[in-house]
Amino acid sequence: MLRTSSALLLIALLGMFAKPSDANRLPPGGTAPSSHPCRCRKKRCRDGLLEVRLDPNALVRVCTFRKFSPADFLLKPGNYTVSVTNPRCKKPVRFKVKIRAGKTTELRRRWSCK
């Protein structure tokens, strides 16, 4: 009985700390599917304000959102401010990124916290 309950507790703890895969991450060397979902994590998202998680081993597909619609869109080429949630920082790190046409943008590691 004790072994069973400890095994169930261990499985529950592993499930809590397991990272769900984000819809906006691509495997290394992978190509982007034609319709890849990206989710807005805040109400009233603005175009060009992005929420992406830092993953040094993955390419990030960048998405934008309309203010009045939760639908998903790819960013047009241009300069944008990106907000990255760094596991070592308390606050999201913001920086500017340039999006080029027909390219998947790779976000480099940024360990400096402000």
N, C-alpha and C. Protein backbone atom coordinates (compact mmCIF):
# COMPACT_ATOMS: atom_id res chain seq x y z
N MET A 1 0.83 -1.21 0.00
CA MET A 1 0.00 0.00 0.00
C MET A 1 0.87 1.26 0.00
N LEU A 2 1.91 1.23 0.83
CA LEU A 2 2.79 2.39 0.92
C LEU A 2 3.55 2.61 -0.39
N ARG A 3 3.98 1.51 -1.02
CA ARG A 3 4.69 1.63 -2.30
C ARG A 3 3.79 2.22 -3.38
N THR A 4 2.54 1.78 -3.40
CA THR A 4 1.61 2.28 -4.41
C THR A 4 1.36 3.78 -4.24
N SER A 5 1.15 4.21 -3.00
CA SER A 5 0.88 5.64 -2.79
C SER A 5 2.11 6.49 -3.07
N SER A 6 3.30 5.98 -2.73
CA SER A 6 4.52 6.76 -3.02
C SER A 6 4.77 6.83 -4.52
N ALA A 7 4.46 5.76 -5.26
CA ALA A 7 4.63 5.78 -6.71
C ALA A 7 3.66 6.77 -7.35
N LEU A 8 2.42 6.80 -6.88
CA LEU A 8 1.45 7.75 -7.42
C LEU A 8 1.85 9.19 -7.10
N LEU A 9 2.40 9.42 -5.91
CA LEU A 9 2.86 10.76 -5.55
C LEU A 9 4.01 11.19 -6.44
N LEU A 10 4.93 10.28 -6.72
CA LEU A 10 6.07 10.59 -7.59
C LEU A 10 5.60 10.93 -9.01
N ILE A 11 4.65 10.18 -9.52
CA ILE A 11 4.12 10.45 -10.86
C ILE A 11 3.41 11.80 -10.90
N ALA A 12 2.67 12.12 -9.84
CA ALA A 12 1.98 13.42 -9.79
C ALA A 12 2.98 14.57 -9.74
N LEU A 13 4.07 14.41 -8.98
CA LEU A 13 5.08 15.47 -8.91
C LEU A 13 5.78 15.65 -10.25
N LEU A 14 6.08 14.56 -10.92
CA LEU A 14 6.71 14.66 -12.24
C LEU A 14 5.78 15.34 -13.23
N GLY A 15 4.50 15.08 -13.13
CA GLY A 15 3.53 15.72 -14.02
C GLY A 15 3.43 17.21 -13.78
N MET A 16 3.62 17.64 -12.53
CA MET A 16 3.55 19.07 -12.23
C MET A 16 4.73 19.83 -12.80
N PHE A 17 5.92 19.21 -12.77
CA PHE A 17 7.12 19.92 -13.21
C PHE A 17 7.46 19.67 -14.67
N ALA A 18 6.73 18.80 -15.34
CA ALA A 18 7.01 18.55 -16.76
C ALA A 18 6.58 19.76 -17.58
N LYS A 19 7.41 20.13 -18.53
CA LYS A 19 7.12 21.30 -19.36
C LYS A 19 6.23 20.90 -20.53
N PRO A 20 5.08 21.52 -20.67
CA PRO A 20 4.29 21.25 -21.87
C PRO A 20 4.94 21.92 -23.07
N SER A 21 4.87 21.27 -24.20
CA SER A 21 5.51 21.85 -25.38
C SER A 21 4.67 23.01 -25.89
N ASP A 22 5.33 24.12 -26.18
CA ASP A 22 4.62 25.30 -26.67
C ASP A 22 4.30 25.14 -28.14
N ALA A 23 3.21 25.75 -28.55
CA ALA A 23 2.79 25.65 -29.94
C ALA A 23 3.70 26.46 -30.85
N ASN A 24 4.40 27.46 -30.28
CA ASN A 24 5.21 28.32 -31.14
C ASN A 24 6.66 27.88 -31.22
N ARG A 25 6.99 26.68 -30.71
CA ARG A 25 8.37 26.20 -30.81
C ARG A 25 8.48 25.14 -31.90
N LEU A 26 9.59 25.15 -32.58
CA LEU A 26 9.84 24.17 -33.64
C LEU A 26 11.02 23.31 -33.25
N PRO A 27 11.05 22.04 -33.65
CA PRO A 27 12.22 21.22 -33.38
C PRO A 27 13.43 21.72 -34.14
N PRO A 28 14.65 21.48 -33.63
CA PRO A 28 15.85 21.96 -34.33
C PRO A 28 15.91 21.41 -35.75
N GLY A 29 16.11 22.28 -36.71
CA GLY A 29 16.19 21.86 -38.10
C GLY A 29 14.85 21.58 -38.74
N GLY A 30 13.78 21.76 -37.99
CA GLY A 30 12.45 21.47 -38.52
C GLY A 30 11.91 22.62 -39.34
N THR A 31 10.94 22.32 -40.17
CA THR A 31 10.31 23.38 -40.96
C THR A 31 8.96 23.71 -40.35
N ALA A 32 8.53 24.92 -40.54
CA ALA A 32 7.28 25.37 -39.93
C ALA A 32 6.09 24.82 -40.70
N PRO A 33 5.10 24.26 -40.00
CA PRO A 33 3.88 23.88 -40.69
C PRO A 33 3.12 25.11 -41.18
N SER A 34 2.23 24.92 -42.13
CA SER A 34 1.56 26.06 -42.74
C SER A 34 0.68 26.82 -41.75
N SER A 35 -0.07 26.11 -40.92
CA SER A 35 -0.89 26.81 -39.93
C SER A 35 -0.48 26.32 -38.55
N HIS A 36 0.37 27.08 -37.89
CA HIS A 36 0.88 26.71 -36.58
C HIS A 36 0.24 27.62 -35.55
N PRO A 37 -0.45 27.09 -34.54
CA PRO A 37 -1.15 27.97 -33.61
C PRO A 37 -0.20 28.70 -32.67
N CYS A 38 -0.48 29.95 -32.40
CA CYS A 38 0.24 30.74 -31.42
C CYS A 38 -0.79 31.39 -30.54
N ARG A 39 -0.56 31.36 -29.25
CA ARG A 39 -1.59 31.86 -28.33
C ARG A 39 -1.17 33.15 -27.68
N CYS A 40 -2.12 34.02 -27.52
CA CYS A 40 -1.91 35.27 -26.81
C CYS A 40 -2.18 35.02 -25.34
N ARG A 41 -1.23 35.39 -24.47
CA ARG A 41 -1.37 35.11 -23.05
C ARG A 41 -1.95 36.28 -22.26
N LYS A 42 -2.18 37.41 -22.91
CA LYS A 42 -2.72 38.56 -22.20
C LYS A 42 -3.96 39.06 -22.92
N LYS A 43 -4.82 39.74 -22.17
CA LYS A 43 -5.99 40.36 -22.80
C LYS A 43 -5.53 41.58 -23.57
N ARG A 44 -6.23 41.86 -24.66
CA ARG A 44 -5.94 43.03 -25.50
C ARG A 44 -4.50 43.04 -25.98
N CYS A 45 -4.07 41.96 -26.61
CA CYS A 45 -2.70 41.89 -27.13
C CYS A 45 -2.54 42.88 -28.28
N ARG A 46 -1.39 43.48 -28.36
CA ARG A 46 -1.11 44.43 -29.44
C ARG A 46 -0.23 43.76 -30.48
N ASP A 47 -0.31 44.25 -31.69
CA ASP A 47 0.58 43.75 -32.74
C ASP A 47 2.01 44.06 -32.36
N GLY A 48 2.88 43.08 -32.51
CA GLY A 48 4.30 43.28 -32.23
C GLY A 48 4.70 42.98 -30.81
N LEU A 49 3.76 42.76 -29.88
CA LEU A 49 4.10 42.38 -28.52
C LEU A 49 3.99 40.86 -28.43
N LEU A 50 5.10 40.19 -28.22
CA LEU A 50 5.14 38.74 -28.31
C LEU A 50 5.46 38.12 -26.96
N GLU A 51 4.96 36.93 -26.72
CA GLU A 51 5.32 36.16 -25.55
C GLU A 51 5.89 34.84 -26.06
N VAL A 52 7.18 34.62 -25.86
CA VAL A 52 7.80 33.37 -26.27
C VAL A 52 8.64 32.87 -25.11
N ARG A 53 8.77 31.56 -24.99
CA ARG A 53 9.59 30.99 -23.94
C ARG A 53 10.98 30.72 -24.47
N LEU A 54 11.97 30.91 -23.61
CA LEU A 54 13.36 30.73 -24.01
C LEU A 54 13.69 29.25 -24.09
N ASP A 55 14.18 28.80 -25.22
CA ASP A 55 14.63 27.42 -25.38
C ASP A 55 15.85 27.46 -26.29
N PRO A 56 17.05 27.27 -25.73
CA PRO A 56 18.26 27.40 -26.55
C PRO A 56 18.38 26.34 -27.64
N ASN A 57 17.64 25.24 -27.53
CA ASN A 57 17.75 24.16 -28.52
C ASN A 57 16.66 24.20 -29.57
N ALA A 58 15.84 25.25 -29.58
CA ALA A 58 14.72 25.27 -30.52
C ALA A 58 14.67 26.58 -31.28
N LEU A 59 14.16 26.50 -32.48
CA LEU A 59 13.86 27.70 -33.24
C LEU A 59 12.47 28.18 -32.85
N VAL A 60 12.28 29.46 -32.84
CA VAL A 60 11.01 30.02 -32.40
C VAL A 60 10.28 30.61 -33.59
N ARG A 61 9.04 30.25 -33.75
CA ARG A 61 8.21 30.86 -34.77
C ARG A 61 7.48 32.02 -34.10
N VAL A 62 7.61 33.20 -34.66
CA VAL A 62 7.10 34.39 -33.99
C VAL A 62 5.71 34.70 -34.51
N CYS A 63 4.82 35.09 -33.62
CA CYS A 63 3.43 35.35 -33.98
C CYS A 63 2.98 36.70 -33.45
N THR A 64 1.96 37.23 -34.06
CA THR A 64 1.37 38.48 -33.58
C THR A 64 -0.14 38.31 -33.49
N PHE A 65 -0.78 39.23 -32.79
CA PHE A 65 -2.21 39.10 -32.55
C PHE A 65 -2.88 40.44 -32.76
N ARG A 66 -4.12 40.41 -33.21
CA ARG A 66 -4.90 41.64 -33.35
C ARG A 66 -5.46 42.03 -31.98
N LYS A 67 -5.72 43.31 -31.82
CA LYS A 67 -6.23 43.80 -30.53
C LYS A 67 -7.61 43.23 -30.22
N PHE A 68 -8.43 43.06 -31.25
CA PHE A 68 -9.82 42.70 -31.02
C PHE A 68 -10.14 41.28 -31.45
N SER A 69 -9.16 40.48 -31.77
CA SER A 69 -9.43 39.12 -32.23
C SER A 69 -8.38 38.17 -31.67
N PRO A 70 -8.79 37.01 -31.17
CA PRO A 70 -7.82 36.03 -30.67
C PRO A 70 -7.19 35.18 -31.77
N ALA A 71 -7.48 35.49 -33.03
CA ALA A 71 -6.96 34.68 -34.14
C ALA A 71 -5.45 34.80 -34.25
N ASP A 72 -4.83 33.86 -34.91
CA ASP A 72 -3.37 33.78 -34.99
C ASP A 72 -2.88 34.28 -36.35
N PHE A 73 -1.79 35.02 -36.33
CA PHE A 73 -1.20 35.54 -37.56
C PHE A 73 0.31 35.49 -37.44
N LEU A 74 0.98 35.36 -38.57
CA LEU A 74 2.44 35.47 -38.59
C LEU A 74 2.82 36.93 -38.69
N LEU A 75 3.97 37.25 -38.14
CA LEU A 75 4.44 38.64 -38.21
C LEU A 75 4.91 38.99 -39.60
N LYS A 76 4.63 40.19 -40.00
CA LYS A 76 5.19 40.72 -41.23
C LYS A 76 6.63 41.11 -40.97
N PRO A 77 7.47 41.16 -42.00
CA PRO A 77 8.87 41.58 -41.79
C PRO A 77 8.94 42.98 -41.20
N GLY A 78 9.87 43.16 -40.28
CA GLY A 78 10.03 44.46 -39.63
C GLY A 78 10.69 44.30 -38.28
N ASN A 79 10.77 45.38 -37.52
CA ASN A 79 11.37 45.36 -36.19
C ASN A 79 10.27 45.27 -35.13
N TYR A 80 10.47 44.38 -34.16
CA TYR A 80 9.48 44.16 -33.11
C TYR A 80 10.17 44.07 -31.76
N THR A 81 9.40 44.37 -30.71
CA THR A 81 9.88 44.17 -29.35
C THR A 81 9.37 42.83 -28.86
N VAL A 82 10.29 41.98 -28.40
CA VAL A 82 9.95 40.63 -27.97
C VAL A 82 10.11 40.55 -26.46
N SER A 83 9.17 39.89 -25.81
CA SER A 83 9.25 39.66 -24.37
C SER A 83 9.52 38.17 -24.15
N VAL A 84 10.67 37.85 -23.56
CA VAL A 84 11.06 36.45 -23.35
C VAL A 84 11.04 36.16 -21.86
N THR A 85 10.39 35.06 -21.48
CA THR A 85 10.39 34.65 -20.09
C THR A 85 11.62 33.80 -19.84
N ASN A 86 12.57 34.35 -19.09
CA ASN A 86 13.81 33.66 -18.78
C ASN A 86 13.64 32.94 -17.44
N PRO A 87 13.99 31.65 -17.35
CA PRO A 87 13.81 30.94 -16.08
C PRO A 87 14.64 31.51 -14.94
N ARG A 88 15.73 32.20 -15.24
CA ARG A 88 16.58 32.76 -14.18
C ARG A 88 16.15 34.15 -13.74
N CYS A 89 15.27 34.78 -14.49
CA CYS A 89 14.86 36.15 -14.18
C CYS A 89 13.44 36.15 -13.62
N LYS A 90 13.17 37.12 -12.77
CA LYS A 90 11.81 37.25 -12.23
C LYS A 90 10.89 37.91 -13.24
N LYS A 91 11.40 38.91 -13.93
CA LYS A 91 10.60 39.63 -14.91
C LYS A 91 10.96 39.18 -16.32
N PRO A 92 10.04 39.27 -17.27
CA PRO A 92 10.38 38.95 -18.66
C PRO A 92 11.42 39.93 -19.20
N VAL A 93 12.35 39.41 -20.00
CA VAL A 93 13.38 40.23 -20.61
C VAL A 93 12.86 40.69 -21.96
N ARG A 94 12.94 42.00 -22.22
CA ARG A 94 12.45 42.55 -23.49
C ARG A 94 13.63 42.99 -24.34
N PHE A 95 13.56 42.70 -25.61
CA PHE A 95 14.58 43.16 -26.54
C PHE A 95 13.96 43.28 -27.92
N LYS A 96 14.67 43.95 -28.81
CA LYS A 96 14.17 44.15 -30.17
C LYS A 96 14.71 43.06 -31.08
N VAL A 97 13.89 42.64 -32.02
CA VAL A 97 14.29 41.61 -32.96
C VAL A 97 13.82 42.02 -34.35
N LYS A 98 14.61 41.67 -35.35
CA LYS A 98 14.26 41.99 -36.74
C LYS A 98 13.76 40.72 -37.41
N ILE A 99 12.56 40.79 -37.96
CA ILE A 99 11.95 39.65 -38.66
C ILE A 99 12.19 39.83 -40.15
N ARG A 100 12.78 38.79 -40.78
CA ARG A 100 13.01 38.84 -42.23
C ARG A 100 12.00 37.98 -42.95
N ALA A 101 11.70 38.35 -44.17
CA ALA A 101 10.68 37.62 -44.94
C ALA A 101 11.17 36.21 -45.26
N GLY A 102 10.29 35.23 -45.06
CA GLY A 102 10.59 33.85 -45.40
C GLY A 102 11.61 33.17 -44.51
N LYS A 103 11.92 33.73 -43.34
CA LYS A 103 12.92 33.15 -42.45
C LYS A 103 12.27 32.80 -41.11
N THR A 104 12.78 31.76 -40.47
CA THR A 104 12.39 31.46 -39.10
C THR A 104 13.37 32.18 -38.18
N THR A 105 12.86 32.97 -37.27
CA THR A 105 13.72 33.77 -36.41
C THR A 105 14.19 32.95 -35.23
N GLU A 106 15.48 32.92 -35.01
CA GLU A 106 16.05 32.21 -33.87
C GLU A 106 16.40 33.23 -32.80
N LEU A 107 15.87 33.02 -31.60
CA LEU A 107 16.17 33.91 -30.49
C LEU A 107 17.41 33.39 -29.77
N ARG A 108 18.44 34.23 -29.68
CA ARG A 108 19.67 33.82 -29.02
C ARG A 108 19.50 33.84 -27.51
N ARG A 109 20.41 33.15 -26.82
CA ARG A 109 20.36 33.14 -25.36
C ARG A 109 20.60 34.53 -24.80
N ARG A 110 19.83 34.89 -23.82
CA ARG A 110 20.02 36.17 -23.13
C ARG A 110 19.85 35.89 -21.64
N TRP A 111 20.97 35.76 -20.95
CA TRP A 111 20.91 35.43 -19.53
C TRP A 111 20.96 36.66 -18.64
N SER A 112 21.16 37.84 -19.21
CA SER A 112 21.24 39.04 -18.37
C SER A 112 19.84 39.46 -17.95
N CYS A 113 19.67 39.65 -16.65
CA CYS A 113 18.39 40.10 -16.11
C CYS A 113 18.49 41.59 -15.80
N LYS A 114 17.39 42.31 -16.04
CA LYS A 114 17.39 43.75 -15.77
C LYS A 114 16.86 44.01 -14.39
